[in-house]
């Protein structure tokens, strides 16, 4: 099982979460791709950068015999943390009634992530943030 996470390297909070995930990525089940990388379109022509900037995208490979599945938003977050065995409580956010409200909150966060980043980190954007 592999999951490619397509993240925004200019968002301080996004990069911070990718760094956390990378810390626990002992079996290399998560791969990280910066949607702002110069060659992103060539390597992932099927991922629209504007869409991936608006909502977190992930490409999930359940096993070699199955086609990859495109995941969005909190589905990506849940799958990523679940795959490394951390933050198991995130499963609650995928429960039917809670899912509706959690997804609305996520969309608010995604639209306002630079302002929210500023509140928490003191900077709205970062330049050349790397997770490596």
C-alpha atoms as a PDB file:
ATOM      1  CA  UNK A   1       0.000   0.000   0.000  1.00  0.00           C
ATOM      2  CA  UNK A   2       1.340   3.403  -1.012  1.00  0.00           C
ATOM      3  CA  UNK A   3      -0.082   6.909  -0.806  1.00  0.00           C
ATOM      4  CA  UNK A   4       1.252   9.909  -2.691  1.00  0.00           C
ATOM      5  CA  UNK A   5       0.424  13.183  -0.938  1.00  0.00           C
ATOM      6  CA  UNK A   6       0.338  16.268  -3.153  1.00  0.00           C
ATOM      7  CA  UNK A   7       1.078  19.204  -0.851  1.00  0.00           C
ATOM      8  CA  UNK A   8       1.569  22.967  -1.109  1.00  0.00           C
ATOM      9  CA  UNK A   9       5.145  23.794  -0.115  1.00  0.00           C
ATOM     10  CA  UNK A  10       4.308  27.489   0.303  1.00  0.00           C
ATOM     11  CA  UNK A  11       1.909  26.785   3.201  1.00  0.00           C
ATOM     12  CA  UNK A  12       3.704  26.642   6.573  1.00  0.00           C
ATOM     13  CA  UNK A  13       1.018  24.477   8.204  1.00  0.00           C
ATOM     14  CA  UNK A  14       0.878  22.107   5.236  1.00  0.00           C
ATOM     15  CA  UNK A  15       4.642  21.645   5.323  1.00  0.00           C
ATOM     16  CA  UNK A  16       4.571  21.144   9.102  1.00  0.00           C
ATOM     17  CA  UNK A  17       2.058  18.306   8.746  1.00  0.00           C
ATOM     18  CA  UNK A  18       4.050  16.687   5.934  1.00  0.00           C
ATOM     19  CA  UNK A  19       7.151  16.834   8.146  1.00  0.00           C
ATOM     20  CA  UNK A  20       5.233  15.145  10.973  1.00  0.00           C
ATOM     21  CA  UNK A  21       4.029  12.434   8.623  1.00  0.00           C
ATOM     22  CA  UNK A  22       7.525  11.951   7.266  1.00  0.00           C
ATOM     23  CA  UNK A  23       8.860  11.446  10.797  1.00  0.00           C
ATOM     24  CA  UNK A  24       6.744   8.300  11.183  1.00  0.00           C
ATOM     25  CA  UNK A  25       7.038   7.110   7.583  1.00  0.00           C
ATOM     26  CA  UNK A  26       9.384   4.255   8.575  1.00  0.00           C
ATOM     27  CA  UNK A  27       8.217   1.820   5.899  1.00  0.00           C
ATOM     28  CA  UNK A  28       8.108   4.403   3.097  1.00  0.00           C
ATOM     29  CA  UNK A  29       4.394   3.876   2.510  1.00  0.00           C
ATOM     30  CA  UNK A  30       3.947   7.633   2.040  1.00  0.00           C
ATOM     31  CA  UNK A  31       5.423   9.615  -0.839  1.00  0.00           C
ATOM     32  CA  UNK A  32       5.427  13.409  -0.837  1.00  0.00           C
ATOM     33  CA  UNK A  33       5.068  15.555  -3.943  1.00  0.00           C
ATOM     34  CA  UNK A  34       5.207  19.338  -3.948  1.00  0.00           C
ATOM     35  CA  UNK A  35       2.558  20.732  -6.301  1.00  0.00           C
ATOM     36  CA  UNK A  36       4.740  23.821  -6.788  1.00  0.00           C
ATOM     37  CA  UNK A  37       7.763  21.863  -8.051  1.00  0.00           C
ATOM     38  CA  UNK A  38       8.820  23.122 -11.509  1.00  0.00           C
ATOM     39  CA  UNK A  39       8.386  19.695 -13.124  1.00  0.00           C
ATOM     40  CA  UNK A  40       5.137  18.757 -11.346  1.00  0.00           C
ATOM     41  CA  UNK A  41       2.965  19.030 -14.481  1.00  0.00           C
ATOM     42  CA  UNK A  42       5.301  16.780 -16.451  1.00  0.00           C
ATOM     43  CA  UNK A  43       5.417  14.115 -13.759  1.00  0.00           C
ATOM     44  CA  UNK A  44       1.728  14.265 -12.777  1.00  0.00           C
ATOM     45  CA  UNK A  45      -0.241  15.599 -15.771  1.00  0.00           C
ATOM     46  CA  UNK A  46      -3.455  14.069 -14.396  1.00  0.00           C
ATOM     47  CA  UNK A  47      -3.341  16.205 -11.207  1.00  0.00           C
ATOM     48  CA  UNK A  48      -4.618  19.735 -11.753  1.00  0.00           C
ATOM     49  CA  UNK A  49      -2.436  22.099  -9.714  1.00  0.00           C
ATOM     50  CA  UNK A  50      -5.256  24.585  -9.128  1.00  0.00           C
ATOM     51  CA  UNK A  51      -7.535  21.822  -7.802  1.00  0.00           C
ATOM     52  CA  UNK A  52      -4.716  20.361  -5.691  1.00  0.00           C
ATOM     53  CA  UNK A  53      -4.060  23.808  -4.270  1.00  0.00           C
ATOM     54  CA  UNK A  54      -7.702  24.225  -3.283  1.00  0.00           C
ATOM     55  CA  UNK A  55      -8.085  20.758  -1.703  1.00  0.00           C
ATOM     56  CA  UNK A  56      -5.419  18.299  -0.578  1.00  0.00           C
ATOM     57  CA  UNK A  57      -5.047  15.501  -3.121  1.00  0.00           C
ATOM     58  CA  UNK A  58      -3.689  12.020  -2.616  1.00  0.00           C
ATOM     59  CA  UNK A  59      -3.223   9.044  -4.885  1.00  0.00           C
ATOM     60  CA  UNK A  60      -3.786   5.782  -3.018  1.00  0.00           C
ATOM     61  CA  UNK A  61      -2.433   2.482  -4.297  1.00  0.00           C
ATOM     62  CA  UNK A  62      -4.202  -0.270  -2.269  1.00  0.00           C
ATOM     63  CA  UNK A  63      -2.176  -3.026  -3.936  1.00  0.00           C
ATOM     64  CA  UNK A  64      -0.430  -3.693  -7.259  1.00  0.00           C
ATOM     65  CA  UNK A  65      -3.477  -5.420  -8.766  1.00  0.00           C
ATOM     66  CA  UNK A  66      -5.838  -2.472  -8.228  1.00  0.00           C
ATOM     67  CA  UNK A  67      -5.953   0.883  -9.955  1.00  0.00           C
ATOM     68  CA  UNK A  68      -4.953   3.872  -7.824  1.00  0.00           C
ATOM     69  CA  UNK A  69      -7.731   5.858  -6.162  1.00  0.00           C
ATOM     70  CA  UNK A  70      -7.800   9.642  -6.028  1.00  0.00           C
ATOM     71  CA  UNK A  71      -8.503  10.824  -2.477  1.00  0.00           C
ATOM     72  CA  UNK A  72      -9.353  14.390  -1.481  1.00  0.00           C
ATOM     73  CA  UNK A  73      -9.263  16.520   1.657  1.00  0.00           C
ATOM     74  CA  UNK A  74      -9.688  14.744   4.962  1.00  0.00           C
ATOM     75  CA  UNK A  75      -9.814  11.368   3.223  1.00  0.00           C
ATOM     76  CA  UNK A  76      -6.136  11.937   2.359  1.00  0.00           C
ATOM     77  CA  UNK A  77      -5.294  13.084   5.882  1.00  0.00           C
ATOM     78  CA  UNK A  78      -7.057  10.115   7.455  1.00  0.00           C
ATOM     79  CA  UNK A  79      -5.484   7.573   5.068  1.00  0.00           C
ATOM     80  CA  UNK A  80      -1.988   9.049   5.577  1.00  0.00           C
ATOM     81  CA  UNK A  81      -2.083   8.966   9.380  1.00  0.00           C
ATOM     82  CA  UNK A  82      -3.824   5.588   9.406  1.00  0.00           C
ATOM     83  CA  UNK A  83      -1.168   4.063   7.141  1.00  0.00           C
ATOM     84  CA  UNK A  84       1.573   4.933   9.638  1.00  0.00           C
ATOM     85  CA  UNK A  85      -0.491   3.874  12.651  1.00  0.00           C
ATOM     86  CA  UNK A  86      -0.813   7.310  14.232  1.00  0.00           C
ATOM     87  CA  UNK A  87      -3.702   9.654  15.103  1.00  0.00           C
ATOM     88  CA  UNK A  88      -6.253   6.854  15.018  1.00  0.00           C
ATOM     89  CA  UNK A  89      -8.859   9.282  16.376  1.00  0.00           C
ATOM     90  CA  UNK A  90      -9.101  10.799  12.875  1.00  0.00           C
ATOM     91  CA  UNK A  91     -11.404   7.900  11.981  1.00  0.00           C
ATOM     92  CA  UNK A  92     -14.151   9.804  13.819  1.00  0.00           C
ATOM     93  CA  UNK A  93     -13.958  12.505  11.142  1.00  0.00           C
ATOM     94  CA  UNK A  94     -14.970   9.926   8.531  1.00  0.00           C
ATOM     95  CA  UNK A  95     -18.126   8.799  10.363  1.00  0.00           C
ATOM     96  CA  UNK A  96     -21.199   9.686   8.230  1.00  0.00           C
ATOM     97  CA  UNK A  97     -22.754  12.610  10.137  1.00  0.00           C
ATOM     98  CA  UNK A  98     -19.477  13.971  11.498  1.00  0.00           C
ATOM     99  CA  UNK A  99     -17.909  13.627   8.034  1.00  0.00           C
ATOM    100  CA  UNK A 100     -20.268  16.250   6.578  1.00  0.00           C
ATOM    101  CA  UNK A 101     -19.313  18.877   9.167  1.00  0.00           C
ATOM    102  CA  UNK A 102     -15.620  17.919   9.256  1.00  0.00           C
ATOM    103  CA  UNK A 103     -15.402  18.281   5.469  1.00  0.00           C
ATOM    104  CA  UNK A 104     -17.020  21.745   5.648  1.00  0.00           C
ATOM    105  CA  UNK A 105     -14.490  22.771   8.312  1.00  0.00           C
ATOM    106  CA  UNK A 106     -11.649  21.373   6.203  1.00  0.00           C
ATOM    107  CA  UNK A 107     -12.793  23.382   3.163  1.00  0.00           C
ATOM    108  CA  UNK A 108     -12.838  26.529   5.308  1.00  0.00           C
ATOM    109  CA  UNK A 109      -9.309  25.741   6.472  1.00  0.00           C
ATOM    110  CA  UNK A 110      -8.111  25.018   2.922  1.00  0.00           C
ATOM    111  CA  UNK A 111      -9.498  28.314   1.606  1.00  0.00           C
ATOM    112  CA  UNK A 112      -7.950  30.272   4.475  1.00  0.00           C
ATOM    113  CA  UNK A 113      -4.797  28.265   5.150  1.00  0.00           C
ATOM    114  CA  UNK A 114      -2.413  31.156   4.559  1.00  0.00           C
ATOM    115  CA  UNK A 115      -4.235  33.404   7.048  1.00  0.00           C
ATOM    116  CA  UNK A 116      -4.508  30.549   9.535  1.00  0.00           C
ATOM    117  CA  UNK A 117      -0.810  29.784   9.037  1.00  0.00           C
ATOM    118  CA  UNK A 118      -0.022  33.385   9.883  1.00  0.00           C
ATOM    119  CA  UNK A 119      -2.012  33.124  13.130  1.00  0.00           C
ATOM    120  CA  UNK A 120      -0.146  29.985  14.204  1.00  0.00           C
ATOM    121  CA  UNK A 121       3.341  30.498  12.779  1.00  0.00           C
ATOM    122  CA  UNK A 122       3.718  34.236  12.239  1.00  0.00           C
ATOM    123  CA  UNK A 123       4.103  33.803   8.502  1.00  0.00           C
ATOM    124  CA  UNK A 124       1.431  33.260   5.898  1.00  0.00           C
ATOM    125  CA  UNK A 125       3.701  31.695   3.310  1.00  0.00           C
ATOM    126  CA  UNK A 126       7.130  30.241   3.259  1.00  0.00           C
ATOM    127  CA  UNK A 127       9.558  30.170   0.413  1.00  0.00           C
ATOM    128  CA  UNK A 128      11.468  27.039  -0.451  1.00  0.00           C
ATOM    129  CA  UNK A 129      10.063  25.038   2.438  1.00  0.00           C
ATOM    130  CA  UNK A 130      11.228  21.475   2.150  1.00  0.00           C
ATOM    131  CA  UNK A 131      10.105  18.425   4.033  1.00  0.00           C
ATOM    132  CA  UNK A 132      13.349  16.526   3.494  1.00  0.00           C
END
